[in-house]
Amino acid sequence: MARRERYSDTFTGRTDRSIRAIIECGSNENSVRKLKKLLLNVINNELTPRQKEIIMLYYFQGVDTVTIAKESGVTPQSVSAVMSRARKRLYRIMKYYF
């Protein structure tokens, strides 16, 4: 069976919008800096190494899931599944700080 070459890597939903809002916020407010620091601490301490790698590549370096999949030697669907679990885990932990 041929591998699917075209794959959509657009993530939607409240979790994705919340993560992007924290990362992309350009404000120098003290609370925003603390929130970014907290997010990075959660990523570093609570995610598996694979989840951490994929989240960092996708959100912080702007690499799409197809490219991540090619570099990792897995399918885009696998990357999407790992990222989905990581985002849910991040959201479950971060919601206690809001």
N, C-alpha and C. Protein backbone atom coordinates (compact mmCIF):
# COMPACT_ATOMS: atom_id res chain seq x y z
N MET A 1 0.84 -1.17 0.00
CA MET A 1 0.00 0.00 0.00
C MET A 1 0.89 1.24 0.00
N ALA A 2 0.59 2.16 -0.87
CA ALA A 2 1.38 3.39 -0.98
C ALA A 2 1.10 4.31 0.19
N ARG A 3 2.15 4.98 0.63
CA ARG A 3 1.98 5.95 1.71
C ARG A 3 1.30 7.19 1.19
N ARG A 4 0.51 7.74 2.01
CA ARG A 4 -0.21 8.95 1.67
C ARG A 4 0.74 10.13 1.72
N GLU A 5 0.90 10.81 0.61
CA GLU A 5 1.87 11.91 0.53
C GLU A 5 1.29 13.22 1.00
N ARG A 6 0.00 13.40 0.85
CA ARG A 6 -0.61 14.67 1.25
C ARG A 6 -1.29 14.49 2.59
N TYR A 7 -0.98 15.36 3.48
CA TYR A 7 -1.54 15.25 4.83
C TYR A 7 -1.74 16.64 5.40
N SER A 8 -2.87 16.87 5.99
CA SER A 8 -3.15 18.18 6.59
C SER A 8 -2.58 18.22 8.00
N ASP A 9 -1.82 19.25 8.29
CA ASP A 9 -1.27 19.35 9.64
C ASP A 9 -1.83 20.56 10.38
N THR A 10 -3.03 20.92 10.03
CA THR A 10 -3.66 22.03 10.73
C THR A 10 -4.35 21.51 11.97
N PHE A 11 -3.98 22.05 13.08
CA PHE A 11 -4.61 21.68 14.34
C PHE A 11 -5.54 22.80 14.75
N THR A 12 -6.68 22.42 15.22
CA THR A 12 -7.66 23.41 15.65
C THR A 12 -8.13 23.05 17.04
N GLY A 13 -8.92 23.89 17.59
CA GLY A 13 -9.47 23.62 18.91
C GLY A 13 -8.90 24.54 19.96
N ARG A 14 -9.53 24.50 21.10
CA ARG A 14 -9.17 25.39 22.19
C ARG A 14 -7.75 25.15 22.69
N THR A 15 -7.35 23.90 22.79
CA THR A 15 -6.00 23.59 23.28
C THR A 15 -4.93 24.18 22.38
N ASP A 16 -5.07 23.96 21.08
CA ASP A 16 -4.09 24.48 20.13
C ASP A 16 -4.04 26.00 20.15
N ARG A 17 -5.19 26.64 20.16
CA ARG A 17 -5.23 28.11 20.20
C ARG A 17 -4.60 28.64 21.48
N SER A 18 -4.82 27.96 22.59
CA SER A 18 -4.26 28.42 23.87
C SER A 18 -2.73 28.31 23.87
N ILE A 19 -2.21 27.20 23.37
CA ILE A 19 -0.75 27.02 23.33
C ILE A 19 -0.13 28.06 22.42
N ARG A 20 -0.72 28.26 21.24
CA ARG A 20 -0.19 29.25 20.30
C ARG A 20 -0.25 30.66 20.88
N ALA A 21 -1.31 30.98 21.60
CA ALA A 21 -1.45 32.31 22.19
C ALA A 21 -0.34 32.58 23.20
N ILE A 22 -0.01 31.58 23.99
CA ILE A 22 1.04 31.74 25.00
C ILE A 22 2.39 31.93 24.32
N ILE A 23 2.67 31.11 23.33
CA ILE A 23 3.98 31.15 22.66
C ILE A 23 4.16 32.41 21.82
N GLU A 24 3.12 32.81 21.11
CA GLU A 24 3.25 33.90 20.15
C GLU A 24 3.01 35.28 20.75
N CYS A 25 2.64 35.35 22.00
CA CYS A 25 2.37 36.64 22.62
C CYS A 25 3.67 37.42 22.74
N GLY A 26 3.70 38.61 22.17
CA GLY A 26 4.91 39.41 22.16
C GLY A 26 5.02 40.38 23.32
N SER A 27 4.10 40.33 24.23
CA SER A 27 4.08 41.27 25.33
C SER A 27 5.20 40.98 26.32
N ASN A 28 5.69 42.03 26.94
CA ASN A 28 6.74 41.90 27.95
C ASN A 28 6.17 41.92 29.36
N GLU A 29 4.88 41.76 29.47
CA GLU A 29 4.28 41.75 30.80
C GLU A 29 4.87 40.63 31.63
N ASN A 30 4.98 40.89 32.90
CA ASN A 30 5.54 39.92 33.82
C ASN A 30 4.72 38.64 33.85
N SER A 31 3.40 38.75 33.82
CA SER A 31 2.54 37.56 33.87
C SER A 31 2.70 36.69 32.62
N VAL A 32 2.89 37.33 31.46
CA VAL A 32 3.08 36.57 30.22
C VAL A 32 4.41 35.84 30.25
N ARG A 33 5.45 36.49 30.73
CA ARG A 33 6.75 35.83 30.84
C ARG A 33 6.67 34.64 31.79
N LYS A 34 5.96 34.80 32.90
CA LYS A 34 5.81 33.70 33.85
C LYS A 34 5.04 32.54 33.23
N LEU A 35 4.03 32.87 32.43
CA LEU A 35 3.24 31.84 31.77
C LEU A 35 4.08 31.06 30.76
N LYS A 36 4.89 31.77 29.97
CA LYS A 36 5.78 31.09 29.02
C LYS A 36 6.78 30.20 29.75
N LYS A 37 7.32 30.70 30.84
CA LYS A 37 8.28 29.93 31.63
C LYS A 37 7.61 28.68 32.20
N LEU A 38 6.38 28.83 32.68
CA LEU A 38 5.64 27.69 33.21
C LEU A 38 5.37 26.66 32.11
N LEU A 39 4.98 27.13 30.93
CA LEU A 39 4.73 26.23 29.81
C LEU A 39 5.99 25.45 29.45
N LEU A 40 7.13 26.12 29.38
CA LEU A 40 8.38 25.43 29.07
C LEU A 40 8.76 24.43 30.16
N ASN A 41 8.51 24.77 31.42
CA ASN A 41 8.79 23.84 32.51
C ASN A 41 7.92 22.60 32.40
N VAL A 42 6.66 22.79 32.08
CA VAL A 42 5.76 21.64 31.92
C VAL A 42 6.20 20.78 30.75
N ILE A 43 6.55 21.42 29.63
CA ILE A 43 7.04 20.67 28.46
C ILE A 43 8.27 19.86 28.83
N ASN A 44 9.22 20.47 29.50
CA ASN A 44 10.48 19.79 29.83
C ASN A 44 10.32 18.70 30.88
N ASN A 45 9.41 18.88 31.82
CA ASN A 45 9.32 17.95 32.95
C ASN A 45 8.19 16.93 32.87
N GLU A 46 7.16 17.19 32.11
CA GLU A 46 5.99 16.33 32.14
C GLU A 46 5.75 15.53 30.87
N LEU A 47 6.36 15.89 29.77
CA LEU A 47 6.15 15.18 28.52
C LEU A 47 7.23 14.13 28.31
N THR A 48 6.89 13.12 27.52
CA THR A 48 7.89 12.12 27.15
C THR A 48 8.90 12.78 26.22
N PRO A 49 10.08 12.19 26.06
CA PRO A 49 11.07 12.80 25.16
C PRO A 49 10.55 12.99 23.73
N ARG A 50 9.79 12.03 23.23
CA ARG A 50 9.24 12.14 21.87
C ARG A 50 8.21 13.26 21.78
N GLN A 51 7.33 13.34 22.78
CA GLN A 51 6.34 14.41 22.81
C GLN A 51 7.03 15.77 22.89
N LYS A 52 8.03 15.86 23.73
CA LYS A 52 8.76 17.11 23.89
C LYS A 52 9.39 17.54 22.57
N GLU A 53 10.04 16.60 21.89
CA GLU A 53 10.69 16.91 20.62
C GLU A 53 9.68 17.42 19.59
N ILE A 54 8.56 16.74 19.48
CA ILE A 54 7.57 17.12 18.48
C ILE A 54 6.93 18.47 18.82
N ILE A 55 6.59 18.70 20.06
CA ILE A 55 6.00 19.98 20.47
C ILE A 55 6.97 21.12 20.23
N MET A 56 8.23 20.92 20.59
CA MET A 56 9.22 21.98 20.39
C MET A 56 9.41 22.29 18.90
N LEU A 57 9.49 21.26 18.08
CA LEU A 57 9.64 21.48 16.64
C LEU A 57 8.42 22.19 16.06
N TYR A 58 7.24 21.74 16.42
CA TYR A 58 6.02 22.27 15.82
C TYR A 58 5.73 23.70 16.28
N TYR A 59 5.72 23.93 17.57
CA TYR A 59 5.29 25.23 18.08
C TYR A 59 6.42 26.26 18.13
N PHE A 60 7.61 25.86 18.51
CA PHE A 60 8.68 26.83 18.71
C PHE A 60 9.55 27.05 17.47
N GLN A 61 9.67 26.02 16.62
CA GLN A 61 10.51 26.18 15.44
C GLN A 61 9.69 26.25 14.15
N GLY A 62 8.38 26.05 14.25
CA GLY A 62 7.51 26.21 13.09
C GLY A 62 7.62 25.13 12.04
N VAL A 63 8.06 23.94 12.42
CA VAL A 63 8.18 22.83 11.47
C VAL A 63 6.82 22.14 11.38
N ASP A 64 6.38 21.82 10.15
CA ASP A 64 5.08 21.16 10.01
C ASP A 64 5.19 19.66 10.28
N THR A 65 4.04 19.02 10.46
CA THR A 65 4.04 17.61 10.85
C THR A 65 4.59 16.69 9.77
N VAL A 66 4.41 17.05 8.52
CA VAL A 66 4.94 16.22 7.43
C VAL A 66 6.47 16.21 7.48
N THR A 67 7.07 17.37 7.68
CA THR A 67 8.53 17.46 7.78
C THR A 67 9.04 16.73 9.01
N ILE A 68 8.35 16.88 10.13
CA ILE A 68 8.74 16.18 11.36
C ILE A 68 8.70 14.67 11.11
N ALA A 69 7.66 14.22 10.43
CA ALA A 69 7.51 12.79 10.14
C ALA A 69 8.64 12.28 9.27
N LYS A 70 8.99 13.04 8.24
CA LYS A 70 10.08 12.62 7.35
C LYS A 70 11.40 12.55 8.10
N GLU A 71 11.67 13.53 8.95
CA GLU A 71 12.93 13.55 9.71
C GLU A 71 12.98 12.43 10.74
N SER A 72 11.81 12.07 11.29
CA SER A 72 11.75 11.04 12.33
C SER A 72 11.62 9.63 11.76
N GLY A 73 11.25 9.54 10.49
CA GLY A 73 11.08 8.23 9.88
C GLY A 73 9.76 7.56 10.24
N VAL A 74 8.75 8.36 10.55
CA VAL A 74 7.42 7.83 10.87
C VAL A 74 6.39 8.49 9.96
N THR A 75 5.15 8.09 10.09
CA THR A 75 4.10 8.68 9.26
C THR A 75 3.62 9.99 9.88
N PRO A 76 3.05 10.87 9.07
CA PRO A 76 2.47 12.10 9.62
C PRO A 76 1.34 11.82 10.62
N GLN A 77 0.61 10.74 10.41
CA GLN A 77 -0.46 10.39 11.33
C GLN A 77 0.10 10.04 12.71
N SER A 78 1.27 9.41 12.73
CA SER A 78 1.92 9.09 14.00
C SER A 78 2.34 10.36 14.73
N VAL A 79 2.90 11.29 13.99
CA VAL A 79 3.30 12.57 14.58
C VAL A 79 2.07 13.29 15.12
N SER A 80 0.99 13.27 14.36
CA SER A 80 -0.24 13.91 14.77
C SER A 80 -0.79 13.28 16.05
N ALA A 81 -0.74 11.97 16.14
CA ALA A 81 -1.24 11.28 17.34
C ALA A 81 -0.40 11.62 18.57
N VAL A 82 0.92 11.63 18.41
CA VAL A 82 1.80 11.96 19.53
C VAL A 82 1.56 13.40 19.96
N MET A 83 1.41 14.30 18.98
CA MET A 83 1.19 15.70 19.32
C MET A 83 -0.16 15.90 19.99
N SER A 84 -1.15 15.17 19.56
CA SER A 84 -2.47 15.28 20.17
C SER A 84 -2.43 14.87 21.64
N ARG A 85 -1.75 13.75 21.93
CA ARG A 85 -1.62 13.32 23.33
C ARG A 85 -0.83 14.33 24.15
N ALA A 86 0.22 14.89 23.58
CA ALA A 86 1.04 15.87 24.29
C ALA A 86 0.24 17.14 24.57
N ARG A 87 -0.51 17.60 23.60
CA ARG A 87 -1.31 18.82 23.79
C ARG A 87 -2.36 18.62 24.87
N LYS A 88 -3.00 17.46 24.88
CA LYS A 88 -4.00 17.17 25.92
C LYS A 88 -3.35 17.14 27.29
N ARG A 89 -2.18 16.55 27.35
CA ARG A 89 -1.46 16.48 28.63
C ARG A 89 -1.07 17.89 29.10
N LEU A 90 -0.57 18.70 28.19
CA LEU A 90 -0.22 20.09 28.52
C LEU A 90 -1.44 20.84 29.03
N TYR A 91 -2.53 20.68 28.34
CA TYR A 91 -3.75 21.40 28.72
C TYR A 91 -4.24 20.97 30.10
N ARG A 92 -4.21 19.65 30.37
CA ARG A 92 -4.67 19.16 31.67
C ARG A 92 -3.82 19.72 32.80
N ILE A 93 -2.53 19.86 32.58
CA ILE A 93 -1.65 20.38 33.63
C ILE A 93 -1.78 21.89 33.74
N MET A 94 -1.78 22.58 32.61
CA MET A 94 -1.80 24.05 32.61
C MET A 94 -3.12 24.62 33.11
N LYS A 95 -4.22 23.89 32.98
CA LYS A 95 -5.51 24.46 33.38
C LYS A 95 -5.58 24.71 34.88
N TYR A 96 -4.75 24.05 35.64
CA TYR A 96 -4.74 24.28 37.09
C TYR A 96 -4.07 25.60 37.47
N TYR A 97 -3.36 26.20 36.55
CA TYR A 97 -2.67 27.46 36.83
C TYR A 97 -3.50 28.68 36.40
N PHE A 98 -4.67 28.43 35.82
CA PHE A 98 -5.49 29.55 35.36
C PHE A 98 -6.65 29.78 36.28
